[in-house]
C-alpha cells in the first residue's frame, strides 16, 4: 500500500541519523520545491553529502532518489488538491479544452524562455569548438533522452560525416570504451542521474574522451564528468518522465548548436548539406 509518504517520514523520524534528519526536515518544510531538485541540489540545501540523501531513501525503503520523488509527488497530490498529478503543472481535470491548450502552450513557452536565459555564450563556444575538432561525435541518451540524441544525430548527419548514435545501452558502453581524446561524447539526461548514462560518461571519460552534458541541473552525478554542461530550463515533475516541455528545451539547445556550427563552418557544412539533400531527393518525390 502506498500510503501518505509524508506521514511515513514523520513516523520514521526518530529512527533517522543526524544527517538524515536534516534531509527529512528540509523535505517536510519544502515538499513542492524538492520535486524539482536533483539529489545534489537537495544535499546542498540540507548541508549534507549526496550519500546521506541516498541513505535517507534507503531508510525509507525506497530503491533510490527517483522513487523517492515519485512517492513524495503522490503524497502531495493526495494531501493537497491543487497539486496536479497527471502533468505536474497547474492543469486540472475540470479545465476546458481551451484552458488546457493555453496552459500547455505556456508551459512549453516558459521552458524555452528559461532555457534561453540559461545559455552562456562561452560554454556554447567551447562546446562547438570541441565538436568541430573531434574525430568522432557520439550522441548518447536513454529513454526519452535517446529520442533527443537520435534527433541530434539526424541533424548533424546532414552536415558532418563523423556522428554516431547507438540505441542499445550495452553497445553504448562498448562504444564509449573505445573512444579517445580525439572524440567527444554528447550526453542527454534531464535529471543527470540516469544510471546507464552516468556509466557511459564514466567509461568515456576514462578513455580520454571529451564530455558535453545537456541536462537540467548544473550539479548532478552526470555533470561531474562533463567538460561542458549546457542547461535546459523545463521543470519536469517525477510523474512527468519524458515530458514534451523537457524535450523541447533540449531540442532548442540542439538546434542552436547545429545552427551556430553551420554558421561558423559554413563552406564545408553547406557542401555536405547539398550532398546529403541530393542523396534522398528521389525518395521524397
Protein backbone atom coordinates (compact mmCIF):
# COMPACT_ATOMS: atom_id res chain seq x y z
CA UNK A 1 0.00 0.00 0.00
CA UNK A 2 1.31 3.42 -0.99
CA UNK A 3 0.03 5.41 1.97
CA UNK A 4 0.88 9.00 2.76
CA UNK A 5 4.62 9.24 2.27
CA UNK A 6 4.95 12.48 4.23
CA UNK A 7 3.33 10.76 7.20
CA UNK A 8 5.77 7.87 6.77
CA UNK A 9 8.69 10.30 7.02
CA UNK A 10 7.30 11.78 10.23
CA UNK A 11 6.71 8.32 11.70
CA UNK A 12 10.27 7.19 10.94
CA UNK A 13 11.87 10.45 12.06
CA UNK A 14 13.22 9.12 15.39
CA UNK A 15 14.99 6.29 13.58
CA UNK A 16 16.93 8.61 11.30
CA UNK A 17 20.57 9.60 11.72
CA UNK A 18 21.51 13.23 12.33
CA UNK A 19 22.26 13.80 8.64
CA UNK A 20 19.08 12.01 7.57
CA UNK A 21 17.05 14.21 9.92
CA UNK A 22 18.41 17.29 8.13
CA UNK A 23 17.14 15.81 4.88
CA UNK A 24 13.76 14.97 6.41
CA UNK A 25 13.41 18.45 7.93
CA UNK A 26 14.03 20.13 4.58
CA UNK A 27 11.62 17.81 2.75
CA UNK A 28 8.85 18.37 5.28
CA UNK A 29 9.34 22.15 5.09
CA UNK A 30 9.65 22.36 1.29
CA UNK A 31 7.91 19.34 -0.28
CA UNK A 32 6.94 21.00 -3.57
CA UNK A 33 10.37 22.54 -4.15
CA UNK A 34 12.09 19.18 -3.59
CA UNK A 35 10.17 17.66 -6.51
CA UNK A 36 12.23 19.75 -8.94
CA UNK A 37 15.61 19.36 -7.24
CA UNK A 38 18.40 17.00 -8.17
CA UNK A 39 19.92 14.80 -5.48
CA UNK A 40 22.91 17.17 -5.39
CA UNK A 41 20.66 20.23 -5.04
CA UNK A 42 18.84 18.65 -2.10
CA UNK A 43 22.11 17.60 -0.46
CA UNK A 44 23.49 21.14 -0.71
CA UNK A 45 20.26 22.65 0.63
CA UNK A 46 20.45 20.31 3.64
CA UNK A 47 24.23 20.82 4.02
CA UNK A 48 24.90 17.09 3.79
CA UNK A 49 26.51 14.81 1.19
CA UNK A 50 24.77 13.06 -1.68
CA UNK A 51 25.27 9.75 0.14
CA UNK A 52 23.22 10.99 3.11
CA UNK A 53 20.27 11.70 0.80
CA UNK A 54 20.66 8.28 -0.76
CA UNK A 55 20.82 6.64 2.69
CA UNK A 56 17.65 8.51 3.65
CA UNK A 57 15.92 6.96 0.61
CA UNK A 58 17.14 3.51 1.64
CA UNK A 59 15.97 4.06 5.24
CA UNK A 60 12.54 4.87 3.81
CA UNK A 61 12.69 1.51 1.98
CA UNK A 62 12.97 3.05 -1.47
CA UNK A 63 15.18 1.95 -4.37
CA UNK A 64 16.60 5.39 -5.00
CA UNK A 65 16.11 9.13 -5.37
CA UNK A 66 13.74 8.97 -8.34
CA UNK A 67 11.36 6.62 -6.50
CA UNK A 68 11.54 8.97 -3.50
CA UNK A 69 10.42 11.92 -5.66
CA UNK A 70 7.62 9.87 -7.17
CA UNK A 71 6.33 8.83 -3.74
CA UNK A 72 6.60 12.41 -2.49
CA UNK A 73 4.68 13.70 -5.50
CA UNK A 74 1.90 11.16 -4.98
CA UNK A 75 1.74 12.04 -1.30
CA UNK A 76 1.46 15.77 -2.04
CA UNK A 77 -1.23 15.01 -4.61
CA UNK A 78 -3.20 13.09 -2.00
CA UNK A 79 -2.95 15.79 0.66
CA UNK A 80 -3.11 18.98 -1.46
CA UNK A 81 -5.87 19.27 -4.04
CA UNK A 82 -4.13 21.97 -6.02
CA UNK A 83 -1.18 19.70 -6.80
CA UNK A 84 -1.53 18.27 -10.26
CA UNK A 85 -0.82 14.54 -10.51
CA UNK A 86 -1.03 13.86 -14.20
CA UNK A 87 1.19 16.61 -15.61
CA UNK A 88 2.96 18.29 -12.72
CA UNK A 89 1.62 21.71 -13.78
CA UNK A 90 -1.45 23.70 -12.77
CA UNK A 91 -3.72 21.67 -15.05
CA UNK A 92 -6.96 20.33 -13.63
CA UNK A 93 -9.31 17.62 -14.86
CA UNK A 94 -12.02 20.30 -14.71
CA UNK A 95 -10.24 22.55 -17.25
CA UNK A 96 -11.94 23.28 -20.56
CA UNK A 97 -10.05 22.28 -23.70
CA UNK A 98 -9.28 25.94 -24.41
CA UNK A 99 -7.81 26.43 -20.93
CA UNK A 100 -5.85 23.21 -21.29
CA UNK A 101 -4.39 24.31 -24.62
CA UNK A 102 -3.31 27.66 -23.17
CA UNK A 103 -1.65 26.03 -20.16
CA UNK A 104 0.25 23.51 -22.29
CA UNK A 105 1.35 26.33 -24.60
CA UNK A 106 2.54 28.46 -21.68
CA UNK A 107 4.41 25.51 -20.18
CA UNK A 108 6.36 25.00 -23.40
CA UNK A 109 6.98 28.72 -23.91
CA UNK A 110 8.25 29.05 -20.34
CA UNK A 111 10.57 26.08 -20.86
CA UNK A 112 12.06 27.72 -23.96
CA UNK A 113 12.40 31.13 -22.30
CA UNK A 114 14.08 29.67 -19.23
CA UNK A 115 16.46 27.64 -21.40
CA UNK A 116 17.32 30.80 -23.34
CA UNK A 117 18.06 32.63 -20.08
CA UNK A 118 20.44 29.85 -19.01
CA UNK A 119 22.57 29.98 -22.18
CA UNK A 120 26.18 31.03 -21.61
CA UNK A 121 27.96 32.07 -24.77
CA UNK A 122 31.37 30.94 -23.51
CA UNK A 123 30.07 27.43 -22.77
CA UNK A 124 28.33 27.25 -26.15
CA UNK A 125 31.51 28.41 -27.89
CA UNK A 126 33.56 25.78 -26.07
CA UNK A 127 31.09 23.03 -26.96
CA UNK A 128 31.02 23.94 -30.66
CA UNK A 129 34.81 24.09 -30.89
CA UNK A 130 35.03 20.67 -29.22
CA UNK A 131 32.60 19.20 -31.75
CA UNK A 132 34.46 20.72 -34.70
CA UNK A 133 37.86 19.49 -33.55
CA UNK A 134 36.64 15.98 -32.77
CA UNK A 135 37.41 12.96 -34.93
CA UNK A 136 34.08 11.39 -33.94
CA UNK A 137 30.96 12.69 -32.15
CA UNK A 138 28.81 10.25 -30.17
CA UNK A 139 25.29 11.20 -29.07
CA UNK A 140 24.10 9.26 -26.01
CA UNK A 141 20.81 9.06 -24.13
CA UNK A 142 18.38 6.62 -22.53
CA UNK A 143 14.57 6.52 -22.82
CA UNK A 144 13.12 9.87 -23.84
CA UNK A 145 16.63 11.36 -23.94
CA UNK A 146 17.57 8.74 -26.53
CA UNK A 147 14.95 10.26 -28.83
CA UNK A 148 16.65 13.65 -28.42
CA UNK A 149 20.06 12.07 -29.09
CA UNK A 150 18.73 10.47 -32.27
CA UNK A 151 17.29 13.79 -33.45
CA UNK A 152 20.62 15.49 -32.76
CA UNK A 153 22.44 12.84 -34.80
CA UNK A 154 19.88 13.20 -37.61
CA UNK A 155 20.51 16.95 -37.85
CA UNK A 156 24.30 16.76 -37.71
CA UNK A 157 24.45 13.87 -40.18
CA UNK A 158 23.33 16.35 -42.84
CA UNK A 159 26.48 18.43 -42.41
CA UNK A 160 29.05 16.10 -40.77
CA UNK A 161 30.19 12.56 -41.52
CA UNK A 162 31.58 11.82 -38.06
CA UNK A 163 28.44 11.48 -35.95
CA UNK A 164 27.26 8.28 -34.22
CA UNK A 165 24.17 7.42 -32.13
CA UNK A 166 23.79 3.93 -30.61
CA UNK A 167 20.49 2.95 -29.01
CA UNK A 168 21.39 -0.16 -27.00
CA UNK A 169 22.82 0.71 -23.55
CA UNK A 170 25.32 -2.19 -23.60
CA UNK A 171 26.61 -1.16 -27.01
CA UNK A 172 26.78 2.45 -25.82
CA UNK A 173 29.16 1.38 -23.05
CA UNK A 174 31.24 -0.64 -25.52
CA UNK A 175 31.50 2.31 -27.89
CA UNK A 176 32.42 4.65 -25.04
CA UNK A 177 35.26 2.33 -24.04
CA UNK A 178 36.84 2.68 -27.49
CA UNK A 179 36.68 6.47 -27.59
CA UNK A 180 39.82 8.57 -27.40
CA UNK A 181 41.00 12.10 -26.65
CA UNK A 182 40.09 12.96 -30.25
CA UNK A 183 36.41 12.11 -29.68
CA UNK A 184 33.51 13.90 -27.99
CA UNK A 185 30.51 12.36 -26.23
CA UNK A 186 27.30 14.43 -26.07
CA UNK A 187 25.10 13.06 -23.30
CA UNK A 188 21.43 13.92 -22.81
CA UNK A 189 19.78 13.39 -19.41
CA UNK A 190 17.15 15.63 -17.85
CA UNK A 191 17.86 14.50 -14.27
CA UNK A 192 21.58 13.92 -14.68
CA UNK A 193 21.07 10.82 -12.55
CA UNK A 194 20.27 8.12 -15.14
CA UNK A 195 22.49 5.17 -14.27
CA UNK A 196 23.19 3.97 -17.82
CA UNK A 197 24.11 7.48 -18.99
CA UNK A 198 26.36 8.05 -15.97
CA UNK A 199 28.09 4.74 -16.71
CA UNK A 200 28.70 5.79 -20.32
CA UNK A 201 30.10 9.13 -19.14
CA UNK A 202 32.42 7.39 -16.69
CA UNK A 203 33.69 4.94 -19.32
CA UNK A 204 34.13 7.66 -21.97
CA UNK A 205 35.98 9.90 -19.52
CA UNK A 206 38.29 7.05 -18.56
CA UNK A 207 39.01 6.50 -22.26
CA UNK A 208 40.05 10.16 -22.51
CA UNK A 209 37.08 11.50 -24.48
CA UNK A 210 35.67 14.99 -24.04
CA UNK A 211 32.19 15.20 -22.49
CA UNK A 212 29.33 17.59 -23.25
CA UNK A 213 26.37 17.20 -20.92
CA UNK A 214 22.89 18.58 -21.75
CA UNK A 215 20.80 18.44 -18.57
CA UNK A 216 18.52 20.37 -16.22
CA UNK A 217 20.80 20.64 -13.20
CA UNK A 218 24.20 22.30 -13.06
CA UNK A 219 25.27 19.88 -10.34
CA UNK A 220 24.42 16.22 -10.71
CA UNK A 221 26.20 12.84 -10.80
CA UNK A 222 26.42 13.16 -14.60
CA UNK A 223 27.73 16.72 -14.73
CA UNK A 224 30.73 15.77 -12.59
CA UNK A 225 32.16 14.07 -15.71
CA UNK A 226 31.38 16.96 -18.07
CA UNK A 227 33.89 19.28 -19.67
CA UNK A 228 30.96 21.46 -20.69
CA UNK A 229 27.45 21.49 -19.21
CA UNK A 230 24.59 23.10 -21.14
CA UNK A 231 21.40 23.63 -19.15
CA UNK A 232 17.82 23.12 -20.30
CA UNK A 233 15.10 25.02 -18.49
CA UNK A 234 12.00 22.82 -18.20
CA UNK A 235 10.74 21.80 -14.76
CA UNK A 236 9.74 18.14 -15.02
CA UNK A 237 7.93 16.52 -12.12
CA UNK A 238 8.63 12.92 -11.07
CA UNK A 239 5.41 11.76 -12.74
CA UNK A 240 6.28 13.57 -15.98
CA UNK A 241 9.02 11.34 -17.34
CA UNK A 242 9.71 12.36 -20.94
CA UNK A 243 7.55 15.48 -20.83
CA UNK A 244 7.30 17.45 -24.06
CA UNK A 245 8.50 20.68 -22.43
CA UNK A 246 11.70 18.97 -21.25
CA UNK A 247 12.27 17.55 -24.73
CA UNK A 248 11.54 20.90 -26.39
CA UNK A 249 14.08 22.66 -24.17
CA UNK A 250 16.76 20.10 -25.09
CA UNK A 251 15.88 20.29 -28.79
CA UNK A 252 16.15 24.08 -28.65
CA UNK A 253 19.77 23.67 -27.49
CA UNK A 254 20.41 21.06 -30.19
CA UNK A 255 19.01 23.41 -32.84
CA UNK A 256 21.10 26.29 -31.52
CA UNK A 257 24.30 24.24 -31.51
CA UNK A 258 23.57 22.94 -35.01
CA UNK A 259 22.79 26.38 -36.44
CA UNK A 260 25.84 28.04 -34.90
CA UNK A 261 28.04 25.14 -36.03
CA UNK A 262 26.67 25.53 -39.57
CA UNK A 263 27.25 29.30 -39.48
CA UNK A 264 30.86 29.04 -38.30
CA UNK A 265 31.91 26.34 -40.71
CA UNK A 266 29.56 27.33 -43.50
CA UNK A 267 31.61 26.34 -46.56
CA UNK A 268 32.11 22.72 -45.53
CA UNK A 269 28.67 22.33 -43.94
CA UNK A 270 26.82 23.78 -46.92
CA UNK A 271 28.62 21.44 -49.31
CA UNK A 272 27.78 18.42 -47.15
CA UNK A 273 24.19 19.60 -46.78
CA UNK A 274 23.82 19.80 -50.57
CA UNK A 275 25.20 16.28 -50.96
CA UNK A 276 23.03 14.72 -48.25
CA UNK A 277 19.94 16.52 -49.51
CA UNK A 278 20.59 15.31 -53.05
CA UNK A 279 21.09 11.73 -51.82
CA UNK A 280 17.48 11.45 -50.62
CA UNK A 281 15.87 13.71 -53.22
CA UNK A 282 14.41 10.83 -55.24
CA UNK A 283 12.95 9.27 -52.10
CA UNK A 284 10.99 12.45 -51.35
CA UNK A 285 9.18 12.54 -54.71
